[in-house]
């Protein structure tokens, strides 16, 4: 082997420290570096695939790394086998030499061979399109809900930590709320997917007596900012929103903000609401399997803005990056 040859390969356990160093150096312009920790956390996912954790090695050192994580995305009511790119890092002294491009292309090729139909990421809009990514593919959909201070709606409700026995019911509620929207990233069935990794967020099962009626993820210091709401039905959604409204200490009514696709808001939100939707230029994706009609049509229409961009709920590990 030529001493200057760059080897592109799957990660090995002995690479962990080198990979962490790459991301720490690559993102040194930030006041903190969460990417190295993010890689460690994503490795713990049940669907983690070491063949999709790709390094560039030169002279025995790791100089670049990218990670693709398998997940399931719902589009038009269909499950789409998907991977997301995060993070991608190149050591500063090797940037501008094509290292990042080589590992990105290798990652896309491997993900396609493994049967994935879609890949998405957040990244630089002038860099990733050269690899086939389309911009403005997903974004945020923020529902501003006006909830009256009607205390009797929340009578008897309480919140508690999720336990393993809750998860099958929570998964059924998730399908009710999100599977008919677009670009909905399905949570895994592991308990770690339903417990916050960061103090900024509260993850709670909502109970009426001993019965589980829903789940909510909200900002600990600002409960009016809700990232995810699940309930067994629309009536339960009313009660949960009233329960959160009480946390705001507003005497008359509150405006609660919820991240939710407009289509699902029309179906499940019982109070008046308005919609704010944003397409991000940095929100990119590409189709890996052109025969997957739902994925291909969504990408085509979202890029043209002829279709509302789906709001992505990133996996729990990304709470560390917020």
Protein backbone atom coordinates (compact mmCIF):
# COMPACT_ATOMS: atom_id res chain seq x y z
CA UNK A 1 0.00 0.00 0.00
CA UNK A 2 1.26 3.48 -0.91
CA UNK A 3 1.90 5.49 2.25
CA UNK A 4 -0.07 8.42 0.83
CA UNK A 5 -3.02 6.30 -0.30
CA UNK A 6 -6.41 7.19 1.17
CA UNK A 7 -8.46 4.17 2.23
CA UNK A 8 -12.26 4.44 2.31
CA UNK A 9 -13.74 1.78 4.57
CA UNK A 10 -16.25 0.98 7.30
CA UNK A 11 -15.45 2.09 10.82
CA UNK A 12 -13.95 -0.27 13.37
CA UNK A 13 -14.10 -0.02 17.15
CA UNK A 14 -10.49 1.11 17.26
CA UNK A 15 -11.50 4.14 15.13
CA UNK A 16 -13.87 5.64 17.70
CA UNK A 17 -11.37 8.07 19.22
CA UNK A 18 -10.13 9.14 15.79
CA UNK A 19 -13.69 9.71 14.56
CA UNK A 20 -14.48 11.83 17.62
CA UNK A 21 -11.33 13.87 16.98
CA UNK A 22 -12.33 14.47 13.35
CA UNK A 23 -15.70 15.93 14.29
CA UNK A 24 -14.27 17.96 17.16
CA UNK A 25 -11.74 19.55 14.81
CA UNK A 26 -14.09 19.86 11.83
CA UNK A 27 -16.63 21.92 13.78
CA UNK A 28 -14.16 24.00 15.77
CA UNK A 29 -15.81 27.25 14.61
CA UNK A 30 -18.66 26.50 17.03
CA UNK A 31 -18.58 27.32 20.72
CA UNK A 32 -19.48 23.70 21.45
CA UNK A 33 -19.13 20.45 19.53
CA UNK A 34 -22.01 18.04 19.77
CA UNK A 35 -21.23 16.03 16.63
CA UNK A 36 -18.77 13.65 18.32
CA UNK A 37 -21.32 12.87 21.03
CA UNK A 38 -24.06 12.54 18.41
CA UNK A 39 -22.07 9.78 16.65
CA UNK A 40 -21.66 7.93 19.95
CA UNK A 41 -25.38 8.14 20.65
CA UNK A 42 -26.47 7.09 17.15
CA UNK A 43 -24.25 4.00 17.42
CA UNK A 44 -26.53 2.80 20.22
CA UNK A 45 -29.60 2.68 18.01
CA UNK A 46 -30.95 -0.80 17.31
CA UNK A 47 -30.76 -0.19 13.54
CA UNK A 48 -27.21 1.21 13.56
CA UNK A 49 -25.22 -0.32 10.70
CA UNK A 50 -21.40 -0.12 10.99
CA UNK A 51 -21.16 -0.51 7.22
CA UNK A 52 -22.84 2.90 6.95
CA UNK A 53 -20.31 4.54 9.27
CA UNK A 54 -17.58 5.35 6.78
CA UNK A 55 -14.08 6.66 7.35
CA UNK A 56 -11.25 7.95 5.20
CA UNK A 57 -7.92 6.77 6.52
CA UNK A 58 -4.54 8.20 5.50
CA UNK A 59 -1.16 7.26 6.93
CA UNK A 60 -2.93 5.27 9.63
CA UNK A 61 -5.05 8.22 10.81
CA UNK A 62 -8.76 8.92 10.43
CA UNK A 63 -9.11 12.14 8.43
CA UNK A 64 -12.81 12.09 7.51
CA UNK A 65 -16.00 10.39 8.63
CA UNK A 66 -19.68 10.25 7.74
CA UNK A 67 -22.55 8.37 9.30
CA UNK A 68 -25.79 7.26 7.68
CA UNK A 69 -28.48 6.01 10.05
CA UNK A 70 -31.37 3.80 8.90
CA UNK A 71 -34.89 4.92 9.71
CA UNK A 72 -38.43 4.70 8.37
CA UNK A 73 -40.05 7.75 6.79
CA UNK A 74 -43.75 7.87 5.95
CA UNK A 75 -44.82 9.50 2.67
CA UNK A 76 -48.40 9.39 1.37
CA UNK A 77 -49.25 6.77 4.01
CA UNK A 78 -46.42 4.49 2.83
CA UNK A 79 -43.36 3.35 4.78
CA UNK A 80 -40.18 4.35 2.95
CA UNK A 81 -36.86 2.70 3.91
CA UNK A 82 -34.58 5.68 4.46
CA UNK A 83 -31.22 6.79 5.82
CA UNK A 84 -30.19 10.20 7.10
CA UNK A 85 -26.70 11.68 6.81
CA UNK A 86 -25.42 13.11 10.09
CA UNK A 87 -22.77 14.06 10.75
CA UNK A 88 -20.22 14.49 7.95
CA UNK A 89 -16.81 15.78 9.03
CA UNK A 90 -13.34 16.25 7.52
CA UNK A 91 -10.24 17.22 9.49
CA UNK A 92 -9.35 20.85 8.65
CA UNK A 93 -5.93 19.99 7.22
CA UNK A 94 -7.61 17.65 4.71
CA UNK A 95 -10.54 19.86 3.69
CA UNK A 96 -10.76 20.95 0.07
CA UNK A 97 -9.07 17.75 -1.13
CA UNK A 98 -12.15 15.74 -2.06
CA UNK A 99 -12.20 13.64 1.12
CA UNK A 100 -15.76 14.62 2.03
CA UNK A 101 -17.01 13.92 -1.47
CA UNK A 102 -15.48 10.45 -1.54
CA UNK A 103 -17.08 9.31 1.70
CA UNK A 104 -20.44 10.90 0.80
CA UNK A 105 -20.51 9.11 -2.57
CA UNK A 106 -19.51 5.85 -0.90
CA UNK A 107 -22.27 6.29 1.68
CA UNK A 108 -24.93 6.94 -0.97
CA UNK A 109 -23.82 3.89 -2.94
CA UNK A 110 -23.90 1.62 0.12
CA UNK A 111 -27.30 2.94 1.25
CA UNK A 112 -28.73 2.26 -2.21
CA UNK A 113 -27.35 -1.28 -2.29
CA UNK A 114 -28.95 -1.97 1.08
CA UNK A 115 -32.39 -1.25 -0.38
CA UNK A 116 -33.04 2.26 0.90
CA UNK A 117 -35.31 4.42 -1.24
CA UNK A 118 -34.50 7.83 0.24
CA UNK A 119 -31.65 9.73 1.92
CA UNK A 120 -31.93 13.13 3.60
CA UNK A 121 -29.76 15.63 5.46
CA UNK A 122 -29.34 19.21 6.60
CA UNK A 123 -26.35 20.80 4.91
CA UNK A 124 -24.80 23.43 2.70
CA UNK A 125 -27.07 24.09 -0.27
CA UNK A 126 -24.18 24.86 -2.62
CA UNK A 127 -22.27 21.70 -1.74
CA UNK A 128 -24.60 18.73 -1.49
CA UNK A 129 -26.56 19.19 -4.76
CA UNK A 130 -23.45 18.05 -6.65
CA UNK A 131 -24.10 14.61 -5.12
CA UNK A 132 -27.71 14.53 -6.31
CA UNK A 133 -29.47 16.19 -3.36
CA UNK A 134 -32.45 18.50 -3.89
CA UNK A 135 -33.01 21.53 -1.67
CA UNK A 136 -36.20 22.70 0.13
CA UNK A 137 -37.45 19.12 0.57
CA UNK A 138 -38.60 19.36 4.18
CA UNK A 139 -38.91 22.07 6.78
CA UNK A 140 -41.09 23.07 9.69
CA UNK A 141 -44.84 23.27 10.02
CA UNK A 142 -45.77 25.20 13.15
CA UNK A 143 -49.38 25.25 14.29
CA UNK A 144 -50.36 28.15 16.57
CA UNK A 145 -53.29 26.83 18.62
CA UNK A 146 -55.53 29.08 20.68
CA UNK A 147 -56.50 27.11 23.78
CA UNK A 148 -59.09 28.63 26.14
CA UNK A 149 -58.53 28.38 29.87
CA UNK A 150 -61.24 25.77 30.49
CA UNK A 151 -60.00 23.98 33.56
CA UNK A 152 -62.50 21.12 33.53
CA UNK A 153 -61.02 19.69 30.32
CA UNK A 154 -57.82 18.81 32.17
CA UNK A 155 -59.41 17.51 35.38
CA UNK A 156 -57.95 14.17 36.41
CA UNK A 157 -55.00 14.35 34.03
CA UNK A 158 -51.41 13.70 35.11
CA UNK A 159 -48.07 13.18 33.42
CA UNK A 160 -45.36 10.64 34.05
CA UNK A 161 -42.25 9.12 32.51
CA UNK A 162 -42.68 6.60 29.70
CA UNK A 163 -42.25 2.93 30.67
CA UNK A 164 -41.68 0.02 28.25
CA UNK A 165 -45.28 -1.17 28.55
CA UNK A 166 -46.49 2.15 27.07
CA UNK A 167 -44.58 1.84 23.82
CA UNK A 168 -46.96 -0.32 21.71
CA UNK A 169 -49.80 2.09 22.46
CA UNK A 170 -47.61 5.13 21.74
CA UNK A 171 -46.59 3.65 18.39
CA UNK A 172 -50.26 3.19 17.48
CA UNK A 173 -50.96 6.79 18.45
CA UNK A 174 -47.97 7.95 16.40
CA UNK A 175 -49.38 6.24 13.30
CA UNK A 176 -52.75 7.91 13.90
CA UNK A 177 -51.13 11.37 14.12
CA UNK A 178 -48.27 11.20 11.66
CA UNK A 179 -48.43 8.36 9.15
CA UNK A 180 -50.73 10.21 6.76
CA UNK A 181 -48.52 13.29 6.68
CA UNK A 182 -45.40 13.67 4.55
CA UNK A 183 -41.80 13.06 5.52
CA UNK A 184 -42.66 11.80 9.00
CA UNK A 185 -39.71 10.03 10.65
CA UNK A 186 -41.11 7.13 12.64
CA UNK A 187 -39.77 6.66 16.19
CA UNK A 188 -38.22 3.34 17.11
CA UNK A 189 -39.85 1.04 19.65
CA UNK A 190 -36.99 1.27 22.15
CA UNK A 191 -37.51 3.06 25.47
CA UNK A 192 -34.52 5.30 24.72
CA UNK A 193 -36.53 6.82 21.86
CA UNK A 194 -39.15 8.07 24.31
CA UNK A 195 -36.96 9.46 27.12
CA UNK A 196 -35.31 12.86 26.79
CA UNK A 197 -31.53 13.04 26.59
CA UNK A 198 -31.49 16.78 27.31
CA UNK A 199 -32.95 18.79 30.18
CA UNK A 200 -34.40 21.27 27.69
CA UNK A 201 -37.21 18.85 26.78
CA UNK A 202 -39.84 17.02 28.77
CA UNK A 203 -41.17 13.71 27.41
CA UNK A 204 -44.33 12.59 29.21
CA UNK A 205 -47.12 10.09 28.96
CA UNK A 206 -50.43 11.77 29.79
CA UNK A 207 -52.85 9.74 31.88
CA UNK A 208 -56.47 10.11 32.86
CA UNK A 209 -56.54 8.17 36.08
CA UNK A 210 -54.64 5.01 35.21
CA UNK A 211 -55.46 5.15 31.48
CA UNK A 212 -52.82 6.37 29.03
CA UNK A 213 -54.50 8.86 26.70
CA UNK A 214 -51.47 10.41 25.02
CA UNK A 215 -47.90 11.61 24.96
CA UNK A 216 -46.32 15.04 24.72
CA UNK A 217 -42.83 16.44 24.17
CA UNK A 218 -42.46 20.08 25.13
CA UNK A 219 -39.82 22.56 26.22
CA UNK A 220 -39.25 22.26 29.96
CA UNK A 221 -38.99 26.00 30.55
CA UNK A 222 -41.58 26.97 27.97
CA UNK A 223 -44.39 24.38 27.88
CA UNK A 224 -46.25 26.32 25.18
CA UNK A 225 -43.61 25.10 22.69
CA UNK A 226 -44.68 21.54 21.86
CA UNK A 227 -42.55 19.40 19.59
CA UNK A 228 -44.79 16.34 19.49
CA UNK A 229 -48.31 15.55 20.60
CA UNK A 230 -49.97 12.14 20.48
CA UNK A 231 -53.40 11.12 21.67
CA UNK A 232 -55.77 8.21 21.25
CA UNK A 233 -58.41 10.49 19.68
CA UNK A 234 -59.37 14.11 19.07
CA UNK A 235 -61.21 14.43 22.40
CA UNK A 236 -58.09 13.35 24.27
CA UNK A 237 -56.08 15.91 22.29
CA UNK A 238 -58.39 18.62 23.68
CA UNK A 239 -57.74 17.49 27.23
CA UNK A 240 -53.96 17.27 26.74
CA UNK A 241 -53.76 20.72 25.20
CA UNK A 242 -55.80 22.10 28.12
CA UNK A 243 -53.41 20.32 30.49
CA UNK A 244 -50.43 22.02 28.82
CA UNK A 245 -52.29 25.34 28.79
CA UNK A 246 -52.49 25.19 32.58
CA UNK A 247 -48.69 25.00 32.73
CA UNK A 248 -48.41 28.37 31.00
CA UNK A 249 -50.11 30.24 33.88
CA UNK A 250 -52.16 32.26 31.40
CA UNK A 251 -55.50 33.16 33.10
CA UNK A 252 -57.65 33.49 29.97
CA UNK A 253 -56.23 31.62 27.01
CA UNK A 254 -52.88 30.54 25.62
CA UNK A 255 -51.36 30.18 22.20
CA UNK A 256 -49.58 26.86 22.08
CA UNK A 257 -47.19 26.07 19.25
CA UNK A 258 -47.06 22.53 17.89
CA UNK A 259 -44.94 21.07 15.10
CA UNK A 260 -47.40 19.18 12.92
CA UNK A 261 -48.25 18.69 9.25
CA UNK A 262 -51.26 20.86 8.25
CA UNK A 263 -53.16 17.83 6.94
CA UNK A 264 -52.96 16.15 10.34
CA UNK A 265 -53.75 19.39 12.15
CA UNK A 266 -57.07 19.58 10.27
CA UNK A 267 -57.86 16.05 11.40
CA UNK A 268 -56.71 16.11 15.02
CA UNK A 269 -56.57 19.64 16.47
CA UNK A 270 -59.87 20.59 18.16
CA UNK A 271 -59.19 24.31 18.76
CA UNK A 272 -58.75 27.23 16.34
CA UNK A 273 -55.26 27.40 14.85
CA UNK A 274 -53.14 29.12 12.26
CA UNK A 275 -50.28 27.62 10.29
CA UNK A 276 -46.74 28.85 9.75
CA UNK A 277 -44.73 26.78 7.30
CA UNK A 278 -41.12 27.13 6.27
CA UNK A 279 -39.13 25.38 3.54
CA UNK A 280 -35.43 25.22 4.41
CA UNK A 281 -32.88 25.58 1.65
CA UNK A 282 -30.56 23.39 3.73
CA UNK A 283 -33.20 20.63 4.01
CA UNK A 284 -32.16 18.23 1.28
CA UNK A 285 -32.96 14.73 0.09
CA UNK A 286 -32.58 12.48 -2.90
CA UNK A 287 -34.34 9.39 -4.17
CA UNK A 288 -32.17 6.27 -4.15
CA UNK A 289 -34.81 4.05 -5.74
CA UNK A 290 -36.61 5.79 -8.64
CA UNK A 291 -39.09 2.91 -8.72
CA UNK A 292 -40.47 4.00 -5.36
CA UNK A 293 -43.32 6.13 -6.66
CA UNK A 294 -44.34 7.81 -3.40
CA UNK A 295 -40.80 8.94 -2.56
CA UNK A 296 -40.07 10.10 -6.11
CA UNK A 297 -43.29 12.12 -6.45
CA UNK A 298 -42.83 13.75 -3.05
CA UNK A 299 -39.27 14.91 -3.85
CA UNK A 300 -40.32 16.20 -7.25
CA UNK A 301 -43.34 18.14 -5.96
CA UNK A 302 -41.68 19.46 -2.78
CA UNK A 303 -38.77 20.86 -4.78
CA UNK A 304 -41.21 22.69 -7.04
CA UNK A 305 -43.13 23.87 -3.95
CA UNK A 306 -46.29 22.45 -5.44
CA UNK A 307 -46.64 20.33 -2.30
CA UNK A 308 -46.32 21.27 1.36
CA UNK A 309 -42.94 20.26 2.74
CA UNK A 310 -43.19 17.69 5.49
CA UNK A 311 -41.91 18.64 8.96
CA UNK A 312 -39.15 16.31 10.17
CA UNK A 313 -39.09 15.28 13.81
CA UNK A 314 -35.46 14.34 14.31
CA UNK A 315 -34.66 11.32 16.51
CA UNK A 316 -34.17 11.89 20.22
CA UNK A 317 -30.37 11.99 19.90
CA UNK A 318 -30.64 15.35 18.14
CA UNK A 319 -32.02 16.92 21.34
CA UNK A 320 -28.36 17.15 22.33
CA UNK A 321 -27.70 19.41 19.34
CA UNK A 322 -30.49 21.91 20.01
